[in-house]
Amino acid sequence: MALRLGKEGTATLSVSVSASGTVTDATVVSSSGDDELDQAAVQWVKAHWKYKPAIRNGEPAAGTVQANVPLHIEKRARLSATAAPLH
């Protein structure tokens, strides 16, 4: 597993968000350079992220955003991911 090898990187994902703010899908737009890290980013985002949904005509609406997902190792080989949505 990439995490045990000490690899780090940043993947850019396209994230589909439902009208309730849950992530319904995530795909790699720009690779971190490592397939395992890319897949870890996708899995992390799907399992842990929630968004405030877009508003269209005064109602919550589904949408898609792009986000940079930097992955790095913390103590005990724990995966950590943060994001900065792209504008």
N, C-alpha and C. Protein backbone atom coordinates (compact mmCIF):
# COMPACT_ATOMS: atom_id res chain seq x y z
N MET A 1 0.84 -1.17 0.00
CA MET A 1 0.00 0.00 0.00
C MET A 1 0.89 1.25 0.00
N ALA A 2 0.50 2.26 -0.76
CA ALA A 2 1.29 3.48 -0.92
C ALA A 2 1.56 4.16 0.41
N LEU A 3 0.59 4.12 1.32
CA LEU A 3 0.76 4.80 2.60
C LEU A 3 1.91 4.21 3.39
N ARG A 4 2.11 2.93 3.31
CA ARG A 4 3.19 2.28 4.04
C ARG A 4 4.55 2.59 3.42
N LEU A 5 4.54 2.96 2.16
CA LEU A 5 5.78 3.27 1.47
C LEU A 5 6.20 4.72 1.68
N GLY A 6 5.37 5.50 2.37
CA GLY A 6 5.70 6.89 2.65
C GLY A 6 5.47 7.83 1.49
N LYS A 7 4.66 7.46 0.54
CA LYS A 7 4.38 8.33 -0.60
C LYS A 7 3.41 9.43 -0.21
N GLU A 8 3.56 10.57 -0.84
CA GLU A 8 2.67 11.71 -0.62
C GLU A 8 2.39 12.35 -1.96
N GLY A 9 1.30 13.08 -2.05
CA GLY A 9 0.98 13.77 -3.29
C GLY A 9 -0.35 14.48 -3.20
N THR A 10 -0.69 15.18 -4.28
CA THR A 10 -1.95 15.90 -4.37
C THR A 10 -2.66 15.48 -5.64
N ALA A 11 -3.90 15.07 -5.51
CA ALA A 11 -4.74 14.74 -6.66
C ALA A 11 -5.83 15.80 -6.79
N THR A 12 -6.20 16.12 -8.02
CA THR A 12 -7.34 17.00 -8.25
C THR A 12 -8.51 16.11 -8.66
N LEU A 13 -9.61 16.26 -7.93
CA LEU A 13 -10.80 15.44 -8.19
C LEU A 13 -11.96 16.28 -8.66
N SER A 14 -12.79 15.68 -9.49
CA SER A 14 -14.09 16.23 -9.82
C SER A 14 -15.06 15.54 -8.87
N VAL A 15 -15.77 16.32 -8.06
CA VAL A 15 -16.62 15.77 -7.01
C VAL A 15 -18.09 16.11 -7.31
N SER A 16 -18.91 15.07 -7.44
CA SER A 16 -20.35 15.26 -7.64
C SER A 16 -21.02 15.31 -6.28
N VAL A 17 -21.85 16.35 -6.10
CA VAL A 17 -22.50 16.60 -4.81
C VAL A 17 -24.01 16.60 -5.01
N SER A 18 -24.73 15.86 -4.16
CA SER A 18 -26.19 15.81 -4.25
C SER A 18 -26.81 17.08 -3.69
N ALA A 19 -28.10 17.22 -3.87
CA ALA A 19 -28.84 18.36 -3.34
C ALA A 19 -28.82 18.38 -1.81
N SER A 20 -28.53 17.24 -1.19
CA SER A 20 -28.43 17.20 0.27
C SER A 20 -27.00 17.46 0.76
N GLY A 21 -26.05 17.59 -0.17
CA GLY A 21 -24.67 17.89 0.19
C GLY A 21 -23.75 16.70 0.31
N THR A 22 -24.27 15.49 0.08
CA THR A 22 -23.41 14.31 0.15
C THR A 22 -22.66 14.12 -1.16
N VAL A 23 -21.48 13.55 -1.06
CA VAL A 23 -20.69 13.24 -2.25
C VAL A 23 -21.24 11.97 -2.86
N THR A 24 -21.65 12.06 -4.13
CA THR A 24 -22.20 10.89 -4.82
C THR A 24 -21.19 10.23 -5.74
N ASP A 25 -20.15 10.97 -6.12
CA ASP A 25 -19.11 10.39 -6.97
C ASP A 25 -17.88 11.30 -6.93
N ALA A 26 -16.74 10.73 -7.19
CA ALA A 26 -15.50 11.49 -7.29
C ALA A 26 -14.61 10.80 -8.30
N THR A 27 -14.02 11.57 -9.20
CA THR A 27 -13.12 11.02 -10.21
C THR A 27 -11.85 11.87 -10.27
N VAL A 28 -10.77 11.25 -10.66
CA VAL A 28 -9.48 11.94 -10.74
C VAL A 28 -9.43 12.76 -12.02
N VAL A 29 -9.16 14.06 -11.87
CA VAL A 29 -8.98 14.96 -13.01
C VAL A 29 -7.49 15.14 -13.29
N SER A 30 -6.71 15.23 -12.22
CA SER A 30 -5.26 15.37 -12.34
C SER A 30 -4.62 14.46 -11.29
N SER A 31 -3.79 13.55 -11.73
CA SER A 31 -3.21 12.54 -10.86
C SER A 31 -2.15 13.10 -9.93
N SER A 32 -2.02 12.46 -8.79
CA SER A 32 -0.94 12.75 -7.85
C SER A 32 0.38 12.17 -8.35
N GLY A 33 0.29 11.32 -9.36
CA GLY A 33 1.47 10.62 -9.87
C GLY A 33 1.55 9.19 -9.37
N ASP A 34 0.60 8.80 -8.51
CA ASP A 34 0.58 7.45 -7.97
C ASP A 34 -0.86 6.95 -7.94
N ASP A 35 -1.12 5.84 -8.63
CA ASP A 35 -2.49 5.32 -8.71
C ASP A 35 -3.09 5.01 -7.35
N GLU A 36 -2.28 4.45 -6.43
CA GLU A 36 -2.80 4.12 -5.10
C GLU A 36 -3.22 5.38 -4.34
N LEU A 37 -2.41 6.42 -4.43
CA LEU A 37 -2.78 7.68 -3.77
C LEU A 37 -4.05 8.26 -4.39
N ASP A 38 -4.15 8.21 -5.71
CA ASP A 38 -5.35 8.72 -6.38
C ASP A 38 -6.60 8.00 -5.88
N GLN A 39 -6.52 6.66 -5.81
CA GLN A 39 -7.68 5.89 -5.35
C GLN A 39 -7.98 6.16 -3.87
N ALA A 40 -6.94 6.36 -3.07
CA ALA A 40 -7.13 6.71 -1.66
C ALA A 40 -7.84 8.05 -1.54
N ALA A 41 -7.49 9.00 -2.41
CA ALA A 41 -8.15 10.32 -2.40
C ALA A 41 -9.62 10.18 -2.73
N VAL A 42 -9.93 9.41 -3.77
CA VAL A 42 -11.33 9.19 -4.16
C VAL A 42 -12.10 8.54 -3.01
N GLN A 43 -11.57 7.51 -2.41
CA GLN A 43 -12.25 6.81 -1.32
C GLN A 43 -12.44 7.73 -0.12
N TRP A 44 -11.41 8.51 0.21
CA TRP A 44 -11.48 9.42 1.37
C TRP A 44 -12.59 10.45 1.17
N VAL A 45 -12.61 11.06 -0.01
CA VAL A 45 -13.61 12.09 -0.30
C VAL A 45 -15.03 11.50 -0.22
N LYS A 46 -15.23 10.35 -0.82
CA LYS A 46 -16.56 9.72 -0.80
C LYS A 46 -17.00 9.37 0.62
N ALA A 47 -16.07 8.97 1.46
CA ALA A 47 -16.42 8.51 2.81
C ALA A 47 -16.51 9.64 3.83
N HIS A 48 -15.78 10.74 3.64
CA HIS A 48 -15.64 11.72 4.71
C HIS A 48 -16.14 13.13 4.41
N TRP A 49 -16.30 13.48 3.16
CA TRP A 49 -16.63 14.87 2.86
C TRP A 49 -18.12 15.09 2.72
N LYS A 50 -18.55 16.28 3.11
CA LYS A 50 -19.93 16.73 2.92
C LYS A 50 -19.84 18.20 2.55
N TYR A 51 -20.67 18.62 1.64
CA TYR A 51 -20.67 19.99 1.16
C TYR A 51 -21.98 20.69 1.49
N LYS A 52 -21.94 22.00 1.50
CA LYS A 52 -23.15 22.79 1.50
C LYS A 52 -23.59 22.80 0.03
N PRO A 53 -24.80 22.33 -0.27
CA PRO A 53 -25.19 22.20 -1.69
C PRO A 53 -25.35 23.56 -2.38
N ALA A 54 -25.26 23.51 -3.69
CA ALA A 54 -25.52 24.69 -4.51
C ALA A 54 -26.99 25.09 -4.35
N ILE A 55 -27.27 26.34 -4.59
CA ILE A 55 -28.65 26.83 -4.55
C ILE A 55 -29.01 27.34 -5.94
N ARG A 56 -30.09 26.82 -6.48
CA ARG A 56 -30.61 27.26 -7.78
C ARG A 56 -32.09 27.56 -7.62
N ASN A 57 -32.47 28.76 -8.01
CA ASN A 57 -33.86 29.19 -7.88
C ASN A 57 -34.36 29.03 -6.45
N GLY A 58 -33.49 29.30 -5.50
CA GLY A 58 -33.85 29.25 -4.09
C GLY A 58 -33.91 27.86 -3.48
N GLU A 59 -33.57 26.85 -4.24
CA GLU A 59 -33.64 25.46 -3.76
C GLU A 59 -32.27 24.80 -3.82
N PRO A 60 -31.98 23.89 -2.87
CA PRO A 60 -30.73 23.12 -2.96
C PRO A 60 -30.70 22.31 -4.26
N ALA A 61 -29.52 22.24 -4.87
CA ALA A 61 -29.39 21.55 -6.15
C ALA A 61 -28.08 20.76 -6.19
N ALA A 62 -28.10 19.69 -6.93
CA ALA A 62 -26.89 18.90 -7.14
C ALA A 62 -25.92 19.70 -8.00
N GLY A 63 -24.64 19.40 -7.86
CA GLY A 63 -23.63 20.10 -8.66
C GLY A 63 -22.33 19.34 -8.65
N THR A 64 -21.35 19.91 -9.32
CA THR A 64 -20.03 19.31 -9.40
C THR A 64 -18.99 20.38 -9.09
N VAL A 65 -18.01 20.02 -8.29
CA VAL A 65 -16.91 20.92 -7.96
C VAL A 65 -15.60 20.19 -8.20
N GLN A 66 -14.53 20.97 -8.37
CA GLN A 66 -13.20 20.39 -8.43
C GLN A 66 -12.48 20.76 -7.15
N ALA A 67 -11.72 19.81 -6.62
CA ALA A 67 -11.00 20.06 -5.37
C ALA A 67 -9.62 19.42 -5.43
N ASN A 68 -8.62 20.14 -4.93
CA ASN A 68 -7.29 19.57 -4.74
C ASN A 68 -7.30 18.78 -3.44
N VAL A 69 -6.80 17.57 -3.48
CA VAL A 69 -6.78 16.71 -2.31
C VAL A 69 -5.34 16.31 -2.01
N PRO A 70 -4.68 17.06 -1.12
CA PRO A 70 -3.32 16.68 -0.74
C PRO A 70 -3.37 15.52 0.26
N LEU A 71 -2.58 14.51 0.02
CA LEU A 71 -2.53 13.34 0.89
C LEU A 71 -1.16 13.28 1.54
N HIS A 72 -1.14 13.05 2.84
CA HIS A 72 0.13 12.90 3.53
C HIS A 72 -0.03 11.94 4.69
N ILE A 73 1.11 11.47 5.16
CA ILE A 73 1.14 10.47 6.22
C ILE A 73 1.21 11.16 7.58
N GLU A 74 0.38 10.70 8.50
CA GLU A 74 0.47 11.14 9.88
C GLU A 74 0.98 9.97 10.71
N LYS A 75 1.11 10.14 11.98
CA LYS A 75 1.59 9.06 12.85
C LYS A 75 0.77 7.79 12.65
N ARG A 76 1.43 6.66 12.75
CA ARG A 76 0.81 5.33 12.63
C ARG A 76 0.21 5.10 11.25
N ALA A 77 0.82 5.65 10.22
CA ALA A 77 0.40 5.44 8.83
C ALA A 77 -1.06 5.80 8.60
N ARG A 78 -1.50 6.83 9.26
CA ARG A 78 -2.88 7.28 9.11
C ARG A 78 -2.99 8.24 7.92
N LEU A 79 -4.01 8.05 7.11
CA LEU A 79 -4.23 8.89 5.95
C LEU A 79 -4.90 10.18 6.38
N SER A 80 -4.42 11.27 5.85
CA SER A 80 -5.03 12.56 6.12
C SER A 80 -5.20 13.27 4.77
N ALA A 81 -6.36 13.89 4.60
CA ALA A 81 -6.62 14.62 3.36
C ALA A 81 -7.31 15.92 3.70
N THR A 82 -6.89 16.96 3.04
CA THR A 82 -7.53 18.25 3.14
C THR A 82 -7.82 18.74 1.73
N ALA A 83 -8.62 19.76 1.60
CA ALA A 83 -8.93 20.22 0.25
C ALA A 83 -9.06 21.71 0.20
N ALA A 84 -8.78 22.22 -0.98
CA ALA A 84 -9.04 23.61 -1.31
C ALA A 84 -9.82 23.59 -2.61
N PRO A 85 -11.15 23.84 -2.55
CA PRO A 85 -11.93 23.82 -3.79
C PRO A 85 -11.36 24.80 -4.81
N LEU A 86 -11.36 24.40 -6.04
CA LEU A 86 -10.88 25.24 -7.12
C LEU A 86 -11.99 26.16 -7.59
N HIS A 87 -11.65 27.36 -7.91
CA HIS A 87 -12.66 28.32 -8.39
C HIS A 87 -12.51 28.52 -9.87
